[in-house]
Amino acid sequence: MGMIVLEDIEVMARIGLLEEELYAPQDLTVSVEIEHSFDRISETDDLADGVDYREVIEFIREFCGAYDGKTIERLADLLCKSIKEKFPSERVHLVLNKPRYVNKLGLSAIRVEVEH
């Protein structure tokens, strides 16, 4: 078993509860761990037998760009499930960060984590 780790993918999404959040997309970051077997790709050295992380990044950016919702919990859960369905994986762990209000609220991070 192996793990592909992609950290802090910058995305834009229309998300939030406040009026100012509903009109303009905001910056988020997504980190994802995709666990799957490296057995086949280790033998063939052919990307077709593995997970192309460029496709994962593109999928995440497109998914978030098309999203229009209120909570980061829902976005993270739907995105994690979609990644697991689209790419070969035993487990997907996803972390979604919403940095916009960190300073206003006196926090070091606002994030949710989900796993499927």
C-alpha atoms as a PDB file:
ATOM      1  CA  MET A   1       0.000   0.000   0.000  1.00  0.00           C
ATOM      2  CA  GLY A   2       1.166   3.521  -0.747  1.00  0.00           C
ATOM      3  CA  MET A   3       0.074   7.076  -0.154  1.00  0.00           C
ATOM      4  CA  ILE A   4      -0.027  10.102  -2.451  1.00  0.00           C
ATOM      5  CA  VAL A   5       0.005  13.340  -0.448  1.00  0.00           C
ATOM      6  CA  LEU A   6      -0.902  16.692  -2.008  1.00  0.00           C
ATOM      7  CA  GLU A   7      -0.692  19.632   0.391  1.00  0.00           C
ATOM      8  CA  ASP A   8      -2.246  23.081   0.279  1.00  0.00           C
ATOM      9  CA  ILE A   9      -3.825  23.038  -3.167  1.00  0.00           C
ATOM     10  CA  GLU A  10      -5.106  26.575  -3.678  1.00  0.00           C
ATOM     11  CA  VAL A  11      -8.745  26.699  -4.791  1.00  0.00           C
ATOM     12  CA  MET A  12     -11.576  29.200  -5.078  1.00  0.00           C
ATOM     13  CA  ALA A  13     -15.107  28.415  -3.905  1.00  0.00           C
ATOM     14  CA  ARG A  14     -18.328  30.279  -3.312  1.00  0.00           C
ATOM     15  CA  ILE A  15     -18.996  29.280   0.274  1.00  0.00           C
ATOM     16  CA  GLY A  16     -20.219  30.813   3.485  1.00  0.00           C
ATOM     17  CA  LEU A  17     -23.044  32.081   5.623  1.00  0.00           C
ATOM     18  CA  LEU A  18     -22.277  35.803   5.695  1.00  0.00           C
ATOM     19  CA  GLU A  19     -23.697  38.071   3.006  1.00  0.00           C
ATOM     20  CA  GLU A  20     -20.213  39.136   1.891  1.00  0.00           C
ATOM     21  CA  GLU A  21     -19.283  35.476   1.337  1.00  0.00           C
ATOM     22  CA  LEU A  22     -22.261  34.717  -0.877  1.00  0.00           C
ATOM     23  CA  TYR A  23     -21.289  37.026  -3.738  1.00  0.00           C
ATOM     24  CA  ALA A  24     -17.636  36.331  -4.389  1.00  0.00           C
ATOM     25  CA  PRO A  25     -15.600  33.133  -4.332  1.00  0.00           C
ATOM     26  CA  GLN A  26     -12.990  32.961  -1.605  1.00  0.00           C
ATOM     27  CA  ASP A  27      -9.592  31.336  -1.282  1.00  0.00           C
ATOM     28  CA  LEU A  28      -9.419  27.942   0.384  1.00  0.00           C
ATOM     29  CA  THR A  29      -6.695  25.328   0.542  1.00  0.00           C
ATOM     30  CA  VAL A  30      -7.180  21.590   0.219  1.00  0.00           C
ATOM     31  CA  SER A  31      -4.769  18.880   1.287  1.00  0.00           C
ATOM     32  CA  VAL A  32      -5.471  15.283   0.384  1.00  0.00           C
ATOM     33  CA  GLU A  33      -3.971  11.873   1.107  1.00  0.00           C
ATOM     34  CA  ILE A  34      -4.907   9.097  -1.299  1.00  0.00           C
ATOM     35  CA  GLU A  35      -4.032   5.602  -0.135  1.00  0.00           C
ATOM     36  CA  HIS A  36      -3.823   2.902  -2.776  1.00  0.00           C
ATOM     37  CA  SER A  37      -1.697  -0.003  -3.892  1.00  0.00           C
ATOM     38  CA  PHE A  38       1.560   0.837  -5.658  1.00  0.00           C
ATOM     39  CA  ASP A  39       2.032  -2.822  -6.664  1.00  0.00           C
ATOM     40  CA  ARG A  40       1.056  -2.471 -10.324  1.00  0.00           C
ATOM     41  CA  ILE A  41       2.763   0.875 -11.035  1.00  0.00           C
ATOM     42  CA  SER A  42       5.910  -0.373  -9.272  1.00  0.00           C
ATOM     43  CA  GLU A  43       6.076  -3.225 -11.781  1.00  0.00           C
ATOM     44  CA  THR A  44       5.199  -1.311 -14.952  1.00  0.00           C
ATOM     45  CA  ASP A  45       6.380   2.240 -14.195  1.00  0.00           C
ATOM     46  CA  ASP A  46       3.355   3.302 -16.268  1.00  0.00           C
ATOM     47  CA  LEU A  47       1.251   6.183 -14.954  1.00  0.00           C
ATOM     48  CA  ALA A  48      -1.858   4.479 -16.335  1.00  0.00           C
ATOM     49  CA  ASP A  49      -1.416   1.958 -13.510  1.00  0.00           C
ATOM     50  CA  GLY A  50      -1.405   4.600 -10.791  1.00  0.00           C
ATOM     51  CA  VAL A  51      -2.927   7.932  -9.839  1.00  0.00           C
ATOM     52  CA  ASP A  52      -1.908  11.003 -11.835  1.00  0.00           C
ATOM     53  CA  TYR A  53      -1.697  13.711  -9.182  1.00  0.00           C
ATOM     54  CA  ARG A  54      -2.061  16.426 -11.841  1.00  0.00           C
ATOM     55  CA  GLU A  55      -5.525  15.038 -12.613  1.00  0.00           C
ATOM     56  CA  VAL A  56      -6.362  14.981  -8.900  1.00  0.00           C
ATOM     57  CA  ILE A  57      -5.363  18.641  -8.528  1.00  0.00           C
ATOM     58  CA  GLU A  58      -7.370  19.662 -11.596  1.00  0.00           C
ATOM     59  CA  PHE A  59     -10.393  17.696 -10.340  1.00  0.00           C
ATOM     60  CA  ILE A  60     -10.214  19.374  -6.908  1.00  0.00           C
ATOM     61  CA  ARG A  61      -9.952  22.873  -8.414  1.00  0.00           C
ATOM     62  CA  GLU A  62     -12.859  22.293 -10.808  1.00  0.00           C
ATOM     63  CA  PHE A  63     -15.039  20.733  -8.093  1.00  0.00           C
ATOM     64  CA  CYS A  64     -14.437  23.637  -5.702  1.00  0.00           C
ATOM     65  CA  GLY A  65     -14.890  26.228  -8.454  1.00  0.00           C
ATOM     66  CA  ALA A  66     -18.300  24.809  -9.292  1.00  0.00           C
ATOM     67  CA  TYR A  67     -19.406  24.508  -5.658  1.00  0.00           C
ATOM     68  CA  ASP A  68     -21.950  26.943  -4.240  1.00  0.00           C
ATOM     69  CA  GLY A  69     -22.869  26.240  -0.634  1.00  0.00           C
ATOM     70  CA  LYS A  70     -22.818  27.358   2.961  1.00  0.00           C
ATOM     71  CA  THR A  71     -20.507  25.102   4.971  1.00  0.00           C
ATOM     72  CA  ILE A  72     -16.962  23.864   4.559  1.00  0.00           C
ATOM     73  CA  GLU A  73     -18.036  20.633   6.248  1.00  0.00           C
ATOM     74  CA  ARG A  74     -20.355  19.776   3.357  1.00  0.00           C
ATOM     75  CA  LEU A  75     -17.831  20.824   0.716  1.00  0.00           C
ATOM     76  CA  ALA A  76     -15.090  18.719   2.335  1.00  0.00           C
ATOM     77  CA  ASP A  77     -17.336  15.661   2.652  1.00  0.00           C
ATOM     78  CA  LEU A  78     -18.653  15.831  -0.929  1.00  0.00           C
ATOM     79  CA  LEU A  79     -15.174  16.466  -2.350  1.00  0.00           C
ATOM     80  CA  CYS A  80     -13.622  13.594  -0.390  1.00  0.00           C
ATOM     81  CA  LYS A  81     -16.335  11.174  -1.551  1.00  0.00           C
ATOM     82  CA  SER A  82     -15.940  12.349  -5.155  1.00  0.00           C
ATOM     83  CA  ILE A  83     -12.165  11.878  -5.118  1.00  0.00           C
ATOM     84  CA  LYS A  84     -12.590   8.344  -3.730  1.00  0.00           C
ATOM     85  CA  GLU A  85     -15.106   7.514  -6.467  1.00  0.00           C
ATOM     86  CA  LYS A  86     -13.052   9.002  -9.320  1.00  0.00           C
ATOM     87  CA  PHE A  87      -9.546   7.796  -8.454  1.00  0.00           C
ATOM     88  CA  PRO A  88      -8.383   4.318  -7.402  1.00  0.00           C
ATOM     89  CA  SER A  89      -8.052   4.416  -3.629  1.00  0.00           C
ATOM     90  CA  GLU A  90      -8.492   2.424  -0.469  1.00  0.00           C
ATOM     91  CA  ARG A  91      -8.843   5.549   1.664  1.00  0.00           C
ATOM     92  CA  VAL A  92      -8.972   9.297   1.108  1.00  0.00           C
ATOM     93  CA  HIS A  93      -8.220  11.786   3.880  1.00  0.00           C
ATOM     94  CA  LEU A  94      -8.995  15.428   3.107  1.00  0.00           C
ATOM     95  CA  VAL A  95      -8.254  18.660   4.985  1.00  0.00           C
ATOM     96  CA  LEU A  96      -9.962  21.878   3.910  1.00  0.00           C
ATOM     97  CA  ASN A  97      -8.702  25.230   5.269  1.00  0.00           C
ATOM     98  CA  LYS A  98     -10.683  28.470   5.204  1.00  0.00           C
ATOM     99  CA  PRO A  99      -8.155  31.205   5.988  1.00  0.00           C
ATOM    100  CA  ARG A 100     -10.295  34.305   5.316  1.00  0.00           C
ATOM    101  CA  TYR A 101     -11.515  34.855   8.904  1.00  0.00           C
ATOM    102  CA  VAL A 102      -8.558  33.461  10.829  1.00  0.00           C
ATOM    103  CA  ASN A 103      -7.160  36.858  11.872  1.00  0.00           C
ATOM    104  CA  LYS A 104     -10.590  38.404  12.539  1.00  0.00           C
ATOM    105  CA  LEU A 105     -11.413  35.586  14.949  1.00  0.00           C
ATOM    106  CA  GLY A 106      -7.969  35.445  16.574  1.00  0.00           C
ATOM    107  CA  LEU A 107      -7.268  31.896  15.394  1.00  0.00           C
ATOM    108  CA  SER A 108      -4.338  30.183  13.751  1.00  0.00           C
ATOM    109  CA  ALA A 109      -6.579  28.040  11.514  1.00  0.00           C
ATOM    110  CA  ILE A 110     -10.118  27.240  10.459  1.00  0.00           C
ATOM    111  CA  ARG A 111     -10.234  23.777   8.963  1.00  0.00           C
ATOM    112  CA  VAL A 112     -12.234  20.591   8.699  1.00  0.00           C
ATOM    113  CA  GLU A 113     -10.992  17.075   8.105  1.00  0.00           C
ATOM    114  CA  VAL A 114     -12.897  14.162   6.623  1.00  0.00           C
ATOM    115  CA  GLU A 115     -12.029  10.640   5.576  1.00  0.00           C
ATOM    116  CA  HIS A 116     -13.717   8.080   3.347  1.00  0.00           C
END
